[in-house]
Amino acid sequence: MIISDDIYRQIMWDYPISKTDIEQLLSGEIEHAGHYNRNSLFLKMLQSLPWFTLLETLGQDNIQELLSDELIAKLKSESMRKKYNYVKQRLREIISVAG
């Protein structure tokens, strides 16, 4: 998975983790990059990037895989939890209609 330099800077402004490590973590090639695992990095991305940027960067399949009830419960604000519960439900509906 390749992420743009701009997105990399938006999510890694606070830690010196290489872009290559972040890409490999998101692709599932490695289990940790710095103190992040794939789920914790996705949580950070949910909280700091617009939805369409996430969709473009990660793709629908990866988002559906990562967007669990447990991860949604970790979101800081109630409005974000509601938003991503809705997104999760819609992704399920789209897959079941298409599949």
PDB file of N, CA and C in Angstrom:
ATOM      1  N   MET A   1       0.857  -1.173   0.000  1.00  0.00           N
ATOM      2  CA  MET A   1       0.000   0.000   0.000  1.00  0.00           C
ATOM      3  C   MET A   1       0.902   1.235   0.000  1.00  0.00           C
ATOM      4  N   ILE A   2       0.568   2.181  -0.837  1.00  0.00           N
ATOM      5  CA  ILE A   2       1.349   3.408  -0.936  1.00  0.00           C
ATOM      6  C   ILE A   2       0.494   4.564  -0.442  1.00  0.00           C
ATOM      7  N   ILE A   3       1.064   5.368   0.453  1.00  0.00           N
ATOM      8  CA  ILE A   3       0.376   6.558   0.927  1.00  0.00           C
ATOM      9  C   ILE A   3       1.139   7.786   0.434  1.00  0.00           C
ATOM     10  N   SER A   4       0.414   8.853   0.233  1.00  0.00           N
ATOM     11  CA  SER A   4       1.049  10.079  -0.248  1.00  0.00           C
ATOM     12  C   SER A   4       1.883  10.710   0.870  1.00  0.00           C
ATOM     13  N   ASP A   5       2.825  11.534   0.469  1.00  0.00           N
ATOM     14  CA  ASP A   5       3.652  12.249   1.451  1.00  0.00           C
ATOM     15  C   ASP A   5       2.792  13.133   2.339  1.00  0.00           C
ATOM     16  N   ASP A   6       1.767  13.747   1.759  1.00  0.00           N
ATOM     17  CA  ASP A   6       0.891  14.635   2.511  1.00  0.00           C
ATOM     18  C   ASP A   6       0.141  13.869   3.606  1.00  0.00           C
ATOM     19  N   ILE A   7      -0.409  12.726   3.260  1.00  0.00           N
ATOM     20  CA  ILE A   7      -1.130  11.916   4.251  1.00  0.00           C
ATOM     21  C   ILE A   7      -0.165  11.397   5.308  1.00  0.00           C
ATOM     22  N   TYR A   8       1.004  10.968   4.877  1.00  0.00           N
ATOM     23  CA  TYR A   8       2.022  10.506   5.831  1.00  0.00           C
ATOM     24  C   TYR A   8       2.315  11.600   6.860  1.00  0.00           C
ATOM     25  N   ARG A   9       2.518  12.831   6.394  1.00  0.00           N
ATOM     26  CA  ARG A   9       2.814  13.939   7.322  1.00  0.00           C
ATOM     27  C   ARG A   9       1.643  14.215   8.257  1.00  0.00           C
ATOM     28  N   GLN A  10       0.419  14.049   7.767  1.00  0.00           N
ATOM     29  CA  GLN A  10      -0.759  14.283   8.602  1.00  0.00           C
ATOM     30  C   GLN A  10      -0.890  13.271   9.732  1.00  0.00           C
ATOM     31  N   ILE A  11      -0.498  12.035   9.473  1.00  0.00           N
ATOM     32  CA  ILE A  11      -0.668  11.018  10.516  1.00  0.00           C
ATOM     33  C   ILE A  11       0.592  10.801  11.359  1.00  0.00           C
ATOM     34  N   MET A  12       1.750  11.167  10.849  1.00  0.00           N
ATOM     35  CA  MET A  12       2.997  10.922  11.584  1.00  0.00           C
ATOM     36  C   MET A  12       3.715  12.201  11.969  1.00  0.00           C
ATOM     37  N   TRP A  13       2.962  13.245  12.244  1.00  0.00           N
ATOM     38  CA  TRP A  13       3.567  14.511  12.638  1.00  0.00           C
ATOM     39  C   TRP A  13       4.224  14.424  14.004  1.00  0.00           C
ATOM     40  N   ASP A  14       3.811  13.462  14.800  1.00  0.00           N
ATOM     41  CA  ASP A  14       4.265  13.417  16.188  1.00  0.00           C
ATOM     42  C   ASP A  14       5.257  12.295  16.501  1.00  0.00           C
ATOM     43  N   TYR A  15       5.504  11.400  15.552  1.00  0.00           N
ATOM     44  CA  TYR A  15       6.447  10.298  15.794  1.00  0.00           C
ATOM     45  C   TYR A  15       7.349  10.102  14.584  1.00  0.00           C
ATOM     46  N   PRO A  16       8.627   9.814  14.804  1.00  0.00           N
ATOM     47  CA  PRO A  16       9.567   9.616  13.687  1.00  0.00           C
ATOM     48  C   PRO A  16       9.579   8.175  13.180  1.00  0.00           C
ATOM     49  N   ILE A  17       8.448   7.748  12.618  1.00  0.00           N
ATOM     50  CA  ILE A  17       8.337   6.402  12.052  1.00  0.00           C
ATOM     51  C   ILE A  17       8.383   6.564  10.538  1.00  0.00           C
ATOM     52  N   SER A  18       9.173   5.769   9.872  1.00  0.00           N
ATOM     53  CA  SER A  18       9.368   5.950   8.430  1.00  0.00           C
ATOM     54  C   SER A  18       8.084   5.685   7.649  1.00  0.00           C
ATOM     55  N   LYS A  19       7.984   6.342   6.520  1.00  0.00           N
ATOM     56  CA  LYS A  19       6.845   6.151   5.623  1.00  0.00           C
ATOM     57  C   LYS A  19       6.781   4.699   5.150  1.00  0.00           C
ATOM     58  N   THR A  20       7.921   4.109   4.872  1.00  0.00           N
ATOM     59  CA  THR A  20       7.964   2.705   4.440  1.00  0.00           C
ATOM     60  C   THR A  20       7.381   1.788   5.506  1.00  0.00           C
ATOM     61  N   ASP A  21       7.746   2.018   6.764  1.00  0.00           N
ATOM     62  CA  ASP A  21       7.199   1.201   7.853  1.00  0.00           C
ATOM     63  C   ASP A  21       5.683   1.369   7.965  1.00  0.00           C
ATOM     64  N   ILE A  22       5.206   2.592   7.811  1.00  0.00           N
ATOM     65  CA  ILE A  22       3.765   2.844   7.884  1.00  0.00           C
ATOM     66  C   ILE A  22       3.042   2.127   6.749  1.00  0.00           C
ATOM     67  N   GLU A  23       3.589   2.217   5.548  1.00  0.00           N
ATOM     68  CA  GLU A  23       2.978   1.535   4.407  1.00  0.00           C
ATOM     69  C   GLU A  23       2.967   0.024   4.607  1.00  0.00           C
ATOM     70  N   GLN A  24       4.064  -0.526   5.116  1.00  0.00           N
ATOM     71  CA  GLN A  24       4.124  -1.971   5.346  1.00  0.00           C
ATOM     72  C   GLN A  24       3.164  -2.397   6.450  1.00  0.00           C
ATOM     73  N   LEU A  25       3.019  -1.574   7.466  1.00  0.00           N
ATOM     74  CA  LEU A  25       2.077  -1.873   8.538  1.00  0.00           C
ATOM     75  C   LEU A  25       0.645  -1.882   7.997  1.00  0.00           C
ATOM     76  N   LEU A  26       0.285  -0.865   7.237  1.00  0.00           N
ATOM     77  CA  LEU A  26      -1.068  -0.799   6.678  1.00  0.00           C
ATOM     78  C   LEU A  26      -1.345  -1.939   5.714  1.00  0.00           C
ATOM     79  N   SER A  27      -0.317  -2.394   5.027  1.00  0.00           N
ATOM     80  CA  SER A  27      -0.469  -3.517   4.090  1.00  0.00           C
ATOM     81  C   SER A  27      -0.486  -4.864   4.786  1.00  0.00           C
ATOM     82  N   GLY A  28      -0.149  -4.888   6.076  1.00  0.00           N
ATOM     83  CA  GLY A  28      -0.109  -6.142   6.815  1.00  0.00           C
ATOM     84  C   GLY A  28       1.198  -6.896   6.653  1.00  0.00           C
ATOM     85  N   GLU A  29       2.208  -6.269   6.062  1.00  0.00           N
ATOM     86  CA  GLU A  29       3.504  -6.920   5.861  1.00  0.00           C
ATOM     87  C   GLU A  29       4.301  -7.016   7.158  1.00  0.00           C
ATOM     88  N   ILE A  30       4.094  -6.056   8.053  1.00  0.00           N
ATOM     89  CA  ILE A  30       4.738  -6.090   9.368  1.00  0.00           C
ATOM     90  C   ILE A  30       3.660  -5.902  10.428  1.00  0.00           C
ATOM     91  N   GLU A  31       3.954  -6.308  11.648  1.00  0.00           N
ATOM     92  CA  GLU A  31       2.956  -6.229  12.715  1.00  0.00           C
ATOM     93  C   GLU A  31       3.029  -4.953  13.529  1.00  0.00           C
ATOM     94  N   HIS A  32       4.193  -4.304  13.566  1.00  0.00           N
ATOM     95  CA  HIS A  32       4.366  -3.072  14.343  1.00  0.00           C
ATOM     96  C   HIS A  32       5.241  -2.084  13.591  1.00  0.00           C
ATOM     97  N   ALA A  33       4.922  -0.820  13.759  1.00  0.00           N
ATOM     98  CA  ALA A  33       5.774   0.274  13.299  1.00  0.00           C
ATOM     99  C   ALA A  33       5.839   1.231  14.478  1.00  0.00           C
ATOM    100  N   GLY A  34       7.007   1.306  15.097  1.00  0.00           N
ATOM    101  CA  GLY A  34       7.081   2.049  16.354  1.00  0.00           C
ATOM    102  C   GLY A  34       6.176   1.374  17.357  1.00  0.00           C
ATOM    103  N   HIS A  35       5.356   2.156  18.033  1.00  0.00           N
ATOM    104  CA  HIS A  35       4.432   1.587  19.019  1.00  0.00           C
ATOM    105  C   HIS A  35       3.066   1.241  18.422  1.00  0.00           C
ATOM    106  N   TYR A  36       2.884   1.471  17.130  1.00  0.00           N
ATOM    107  CA  TYR A  36       1.606   1.209  16.470  1.00  0.00           C
ATOM    108  C   TYR A  36       1.501  -0.220  15.953  1.00  0.00           C
ATOM    109  N   ASN A  37       0.299  -0.781  16.088  1.00  0.00           N
ATOM    110  CA  ASN A  37      -0.064  -1.957  15.313  1.00  0.00           C
ATOM    111  C   ASN A  37      -1.071  -1.467  14.272  1.00  0.00           C
ATOM    112  N   ARG A  38      -1.538  -2.336  13.432  1.00  0.00           N
ATOM    113  CA  ARG A  38      -2.418  -1.920  12.338  1.00  0.00           C
ATOM    114  C   ARG A  38      -3.705  -1.263  12.855  1.00  0.00           C
ATOM    115  N   ASN A  39      -4.281  -1.833  13.910  1.00  0.00           N
ATOM    116  CA  ASN A  39      -5.524  -1.280  14.453  1.00  0.00           C
ATOM    117  C   ASN A  39      -5.315   0.086  15.098  1.00  0.00           C
ATOM    118  N   SER A  40      -4.248   0.242  15.854  1.00  0.00           N
ATOM    119  CA  SER A  40      -4.028   1.531  16.517  1.00  0.00           C
ATOM    120  C   SER A  40      -3.697   2.627  15.507  1.00  0.00           C
ATOM    121  N   LEU A  41      -3.000   2.284  14.427  1.00  0.00           N
ATOM    122  CA  LEU A  41      -2.734   3.275  13.388  1.00  0.00           C
ATOM    123  C   LEU A  41      -4.026   3.634  12.657  1.00  0.00           C
ATOM    124  N   PHE A  42      -4.858   2.651  12.381  1.00  0.00           N
ATOM    125  CA  PHE A  42      -6.142   2.926  11.741  1.00  0.00           C
ATOM    126  C   PHE A  42      -6.995   3.825  12.626  1.00  0.00           C
ATOM    127  N   LEU A  43      -6.999   3.594  13.920  1.00  0.00           N
ATOM    128  CA  LEU A  43      -7.737   4.449  14.849  1.00  0.00           C
ATOM    129  C   LEU A  43      -7.242   5.889  14.752  1.00  0.00           C
ATOM    130  N   LYS A  44      -5.938   6.059  14.720  1.00  0.00           N
ATOM    131  CA  LYS A  44      -5.373   7.408  14.588  1.00  0.00           C
ATOM    132  C   LYS A  44      -5.808   8.045  13.273  1.00  0.00           C
ATOM    133  N   MET A  45      -5.820   7.257  12.213  1.00  0.00           N
ATOM    134  CA  MET A  45      -6.233   7.774  10.911  1.00  0.00           C
ATOM    135  C   MET A  45      -7.711   8.162  10.911  1.00  0.00           C
ATOM    136  N   LEU A  46      -8.560   7.360  11.553  1.00  0.00           N
ATOM    137  CA  LEU A  46      -9.983   7.686  11.653  1.00  0.00           C
ATOM    138  C   LEU A  46     -10.194   9.030  12.333  1.00  0.00           C
ATOM    139  N   GLN A  47      -9.383   9.289  13.335  1.00  0.00           N
ATOM    140  CA  GLN A  47      -9.546  10.506  14.133  1.00  0.00           C
ATOM    141  C   GLN A  47      -8.900  11.735  13.491  1.00  0.00           C
ATOM    142  N   SER A  48      -8.074  11.531  12.469  1.00  0.00           N
ATOM    143  CA  SER A  48      -7.347  12.688  11.945  1.00  0.00           C
ATOM    144  C   SER A  48      -7.506  12.929  10.446  1.00  0.00           C
ATOM    145  N   LEU A  49      -8.140  12.018   9.715  1.00  0.00           N
ATOM    146  CA  LEU A  49      -8.278  12.190   8.274  1.00  0.00           C
ATOM    147  C   LEU A  49      -9.745  12.205   7.872  1.00  0.00           C
ATOM    148  N   PRO A  50     -10.080  12.958   6.830  1.00  0.00           N
ATOM    149  CA  PRO A  50     -11.462  12.935   6.311  1.00  0.00           C
ATOM    150  C   PRO A  50     -11.808  11.555   5.745  1.00  0.00           C
ATOM    151  N   TRP A  51     -13.093  11.240   5.767  1.00  0.00           N
ATOM    152  CA  TRP A  51     -13.565   9.937   5.321  1.00  0.00           C
ATOM    153  C   TRP A  51     -13.091   9.601   3.908  1.00  0.00           C
ATOM    154  N   PHE A  52     -13.238  10.521   2.980  1.00  0.00           N
ATOM    155  CA  PHE A  52     -12.883  10.200   1.594  1.00  0.00           C
ATOM    156  C   PHE A  52     -11.382   9.992   1.416  1.00  0.00           C
ATOM    157  N   THR A  53     -10.584  10.627   2.246  1.00  0.00           N
ATOM    158  CA  THR A  53      -9.141  10.385   2.224  1.00  0.00           C
ATOM    159  C   THR A  53      -8.849   8.971   2.712  1.00  0.00           C
ATOM    160  N   LEU A  54      -9.534   8.556   3.769  1.00  0.00           N
ATOM    161  CA  LEU A  54      -9.384   7.184   4.265  1.00  0.00           C
ATOM    162  C   LEU A  54      -9.783   6.170   3.196  1.00  0.00           C
ATOM    163  N   LEU A  55     -10.904   6.413   2.566  1.00  0.00           N
ATOM    164  CA  LEU A  55     -11.412   5.501   1.553  1.00  0.00           C
ATOM    165  C   LEU A  55     -10.440   5.401   0.376  1.00  0.00           C
ATOM    166  N   GLU A  56      -9.923   6.545  -0.054  1.00  0.00           N
ATOM    167  CA  GLU A  56      -8.981   6.563  -1.172  1.00  0.00           C
ATOM    168  C   GLU A  56      -7.657   5.893  -0.798  1.00  0.00           C
ATOM    169  N   THR A  57      -7.211   6.098   0.430  1.00  0.00           N
ATOM    170  CA  THR A  57      -5.911   5.584   0.868  1.00  0.00           C
ATOM    171  C   THR A  57      -5.950   4.097   1.179  1.00  0.00           C
ATOM    172  N   LEU A  58      -6.961   3.673   1.921  1.00  0.00           N
ATOM    173  CA  LEU A  58      -7.011   2.293   2.410  1.00  0.00           C
ATOM    174  C   LEU A  58      -7.871   1.369   1.556  1.00  0.00           C
ATOM    175  N   GLY A  59      -8.857   1.917   0.906  1.00  0.00           N
ATOM    176  CA  GLY A  59      -9.777   1.095   0.136  1.00  0.00           C
ATOM    177  C   GLY A  59     -10.877   0.515   1.007  1.00  0.00           C
ATOM    178  N   GLN A  60     -11.990   0.240   0.381  1.00  0.00           N
ATOM    179  CA  GLN A  60     -13.179  -0.253   1.081  1.00  0.00           C
ATOM    180  C   GLN A  60     -12.926  -1.577   1.795  1.00  0.00           C
ATOM    181  N   ASP A  61     -12.228  -2.492   1.166  1.00  0.00           N
ATOM    182  CA  ASP A  61     -11.997  -3.808   1.777  1.00  0.00           C
ATOM    183  C   ASP A  61     -11.192  -3.704   3.064  1.00  0.00           C
ATOM    184  N   ASN A  62     -10.118  -2.913   3.046  1.00  0.00           N
ATOM    185  CA  ASN A  62      -9.304  -2.738   4.257  1.00  0.00           C
ATOM    186  C   ASN A  62     -10.089  -2.044   5.355  1.00  0.00           C
ATOM    187  N   ILE A  63     -10.862  -1.041   4.988  1.00  0.00           N
ATOM    188  CA  ILE A  63     -11.659  -0.336   5.994  1.00  0.00           C
ATOM    189  C   ILE A  63     -12.678  -1.277   6.608  1.00  0.00           C
ATOM    190  N   GLN A  64     -13.336  -2.058   5.788  1.00  0.00           N
ATOM    191  CA  GLN A  64     -14.329  -2.988   6.324  1.00  0.00           C
ATOM    192  C   GLN A  64     -13.670  -3.994   7.268  1.00  0.00           C
ATOM    193  N   GLU A  65     -12.485  -4.436   6.925  1.00  0.00           N
ATOM    194  CA  GLU A  65     -11.762  -5.382   7.778  1.00  0.00           C
ATOM    195  C   GLU A  65     -11.370  -4.752   9.118  1.00  0.00           C
ATOM    196  N   LEU A  66     -10.931  -3.506   9.090  1.00  0.00           N
ATOM    197  CA  LEU A  66     -10.399  -2.849  10.289  1.00  0.00           C
ATOM    198  C   LEU A  66     -11.473  -2.193  11.164  1.00  0.00           C
ATOM    199  N   LEU A  67     -12.610  -1.855  10.598  1.00  0.00           N
ATOM    200  CA  LEU A  67     -13.628  -1.084  11.310  1.00  0.00           C
ATOM    201  C   LEU A  67     -14.489  -2.000  12.185  1.00  0.00           C
ATOM    202  N   SER A  68     -13.943  -2.376  13.314  1.00  0.00           N
ATOM    203  CA  SER A  68     -14.634  -3.278  14.237  1.00  0.00           C
ATOM    204  C   SER A  68     -15.394  -2.484  15.304  1.00  0.00           C
ATOM    205  N   ASP A  69     -16.317  -3.158  15.981  1.00  0.00           N
ATOM    206  CA  ASP A  69     -17.046  -2.534  17.083  1.00  0.00           C
ATOM    207  C   ASP A  69     -16.083  -2.086  18.181  1.00  0.00           C
ATOM    208  N   GLU A  70     -15.069  -2.894  18.447  1.00  0.00           N
ATOM    209  CA  GLU A  70     -14.094  -2.569  19.495  1.00  0.00           C
ATOM    210  C   GLU A  70     -13.311  -1.306  19.142  1.00  0.00           C
ATOM    211  N   LEU A  71     -12.941  -1.172  17.877  1.00  0.00           N
ATOM    212  CA  LEU A  71     -12.198   0.007  17.448  1.00  0.00           C
ATOM    213  C   LEU A  71     -13.085   1.240  17.489  1.00  0.00           C
ATOM    214  N   ILE A  72     -14.311   1.119  17.028  1.00  0.00           N
ATOM    215  CA  ILE A  72     -15.251   2.251  17.059  1.00  0.00           C
ATOM    216  C   ILE A  72     -15.461   2.725  18.487  1.00  0.00           C
ATOM    217  N   ALA A  73     -15.534   1.807  19.435  1.00  0.00           N
ATOM    218  CA  ALA A  73     -15.731   2.168  20.843  1.00  0.00           C
ATOM    219  C   ALA A  73     -14.564   2.993  21.395  1.00  0.00           C
ATOM    220  N   LYS A  74     -13.405   2.897  20.773  1.00  0.00           N
ATOM    221  CA  LYS A  74     -12.228   3.647  21.229  1.00  0.00           C
ATOM    222  C   LYS A  74     -12.167   5.080  20.699  1.00  0.00           C
ATOM    223  N   LEU A  75     -13.043   5.428  19.780  1.00  0.00           N
ATOM    224  CA  LEU A  75     -13.057   6.792  19.252  1.00  0.00           C
ATOM    225  C   LEU A  75     -13.411   7.771  20.361  1.00  0.00           C
ATOM    226  N   LYS A  76     -12.787   8.913  20.332  1.00  0.00           N
ATOM    227  CA  LYS A  76     -12.912   9.873  21.434  1.00  0.00           C
ATOM    228  C   LYS A  76     -14.308  10.473  21.574  1.00  0.00           C
ATOM    229  N   SER A  77     -14.926  10.839  20.462  1.00  0.00           N
ATOM    230  CA  SER A  77     -16.202  11.540  20.571  1.00  0.00           C
ATOM    231  C   SER A  77     -17.386  10.647  20.200  1.00  0.00           C
ATOM    232  N   GLU A  78     -18.490  10.930  20.834  1.00  0.00           N
ATOM    233  CA  GLU A  78     -19.727  10.202  20.565  1.00  0.00           C
ATOM    234  C   GLU A  78     -20.155  10.386  19.119  1.00  0.00           C
ATOM    235  N   SER A  79     -20.003  11.594  18.593  1.00  0.00           N
ATOM    236  CA  SER A  79     -20.410  11.838  17.209  1.00  0.00           C
ATOM    237  C   SER A  79     -19.583  11.008  16.228  1.00  0.00           C
ATOM    238  N   MET A  80     -18.301  10.827  16.489  1.00  0.00           N
ATOM    239  CA  MET A  80     -17.475   9.981  15.629  1.00  0.00           C
ATOM    240  C   MET A  80     -17.878   8.517  15.750  1.00  0.00           C
ATOM    241  N   ARG A  81     -18.207   8.082  16.965  1.00  0.00           N
ATOM    242  CA  ARG A  81     -18.659   6.701  17.141  1.00  0.00           C
ATOM    243  C   ARG A  81     -19.940   6.458  16.353  1.00  0.00           C
ATOM    244  N   LYS A  82     -20.874   7.408  16.412  1.00  0.00           N
ATOM    245  CA  LYS A  82     -22.117   7.277  15.649  1.00  0.00           C
ATOM    246  C   LYS A  82     -21.836   7.268  14.154  1.00  0.00           C
ATOM    247  N   LYS A  83     -20.974   8.166  13.703  1.00  0.00           N
ATOM    248  CA  LYS A  83     -20.638   8.262  12.278  1.00  0.00           C
ATOM    249  C   LYS A  83     -20.063   6.946  11.770  1.00  0.00           C
ATOM    250  N   TYR A  84     -19.105   6.381  12.487  1.00  0.00           N
ATOM    251  CA  TYR A  84     -18.456   5.172  11.994  1.00  0.00           C
ATOM    252  C   TYR A  84     -19.262   3.911  12.234  1.00  0.00           C
ATOM    253  N   ASN A  85     -20.177   3.918  13.193  1.00  0.00           N
ATOM    254  CA  ASN A  85     -21.140   2.815  13.285  1.00  0.00           C
ATOM    255  C   ASN A  85     -22.042   2.817  12.056  1.00  0.00           C
ATOM    256  N   TYR A  86     -22.447   4.008  11.642  1.00  0.00           N
ATOM    257  CA  TYR A  86     -23.261   4.138  10.430  1.00  0.00           C
ATOM    258  C   TYR A  86     -22.473   3.667   9.206  1.00  0.00           C
ATOM    259  N   VAL A  87     -21.221   4.107   9.090  1.00  0.00           N
ATOM    260  CA  VAL A  87     -20.374   3.700   7.966  1.00  0.00           C
ATOM    261  C   VAL A  87     -20.222   2.183   7.933  1.00  0.00           C
ATOM    262  N   LYS A  88     -19.978   1.594   9.091  1.00  0.00           N
ATOM    263  CA  LYS A  88     -19.813   0.139   9.160  1.00  0.00           C
ATOM    264  C   LYS A  88     -21.074  -0.573   8.677  1.00  0.00           C
ATOM    265  N   GLN A  89     -22.216  -0.100   9.114  1.00  0.00           N
ATOM    266  CA  GLN A  89     -23.485  -0.699   8.698  1.00  0.00           C
ATOM    267  C   GLN A  89     -23.687  -0.556   7.194  1.00  0.00           C
ATOM    268  N   ARG A  90     -23.412   0.620   6.662  1.00  0.00           N
ATOM    269  CA  ARG A  90     -23.575   0.850   5.223  1.00  0.00           C
ATOM    270  C   ARG A  90     -22.630  -0.033   4.414  1.00  0.00           C
ATOM    271  N   LEU A  91     -21.399  -0.192   4.860  1.00  0.00           N
ATOM    272  CA  LEU A  91     -20.459  -1.068   4.153  1.00  0.00           C
ATOM    273  C   LEU A  91     -20.972  -2.501   4.130  1.00  0.00           C
ATOM    274  N   ARG A  92     -21.546  -2.968   5.230  1.00  0.00           N
ATOM    275  CA  ARG A  92     -22.134  -4.311   5.273  1.00  0.00           C
ATOM    276  C   ARG A  92     -23.277  -4.441   4.275  1.00  0.00           C
ATOM    277  N   GLU A  93     -24.130  -3.417   4.228  1.00  0.00           N
ATOM    278  CA  GLU A  93     -25.271  -3.441   3.319  1.00  0.00           C
ATOM    279  C   GLU A  93     -24.818  -3.449   1.864  1.00  0.00           C
ATOM    280  N   ILE A  94     -23.812  -2.654   1.544  1.00  0.00           N
ATOM    281  CA  ILE A  94     -23.312  -2.595   0.178  1.00  0.00           C
ATOM    282  C   ILE A  94     -22.744  -3.940  -0.231  1.00  0.00           C
ATOM    283  N   ILE A  95     -21.979  -4.562   0.667  1.00  0.00           N
ATOM    284  CA  ILE A  95     -21.369  -5.858   0.367  1.00  0.00           C
ATOM    285  C   ILE A  95     -22.451  -6.933   0.206  1.00  0.00           C
ATOM    286  N   SER A  96     -23.451  -6.938   1.088  1.00  0.00           N
ATOM    287  CA  SER A  96     -24.477  -7.989   0.998  1.00  0.00           C
ATOM    288  C   SER A  96     -25.334  -7.826  -0.257  1.00  0.00           C
ATOM    289  N   VAL A  97     -25.582  -6.612  -0.703  1.00  0.00           N
ATOM    290  CA  VAL A  97     -26.348  -6.384  -1.923  1.00  0.00           C
ATOM    291  C   VAL A  97     -25.512  -6.789  -3.144  1.00  0.00           C
ATOM    292  N   ALA A  98     -24.229  -6.439  -3.116  1.00  0.00           N
ATOM    293  CA  ALA A  98     -23.351  -6.731  -4.259  1.00  0.00           C
ATOM    294  C   ALA A  98     -22.939  -8.212  -4.284  1.00  0.00           C
ATOM    295  N   GLY A  99     -22.841  -8.808  -3.092  1.00  0.00           N
ATOM    296  CA  GLY A  99     -22.272 -10.131  -3.003  1.00  0.00           C
ATOM    297  C   GLY A  99     -23.211 -11.248  -3.225  1.00  0.00           C
TER     298      GLY A  99
END
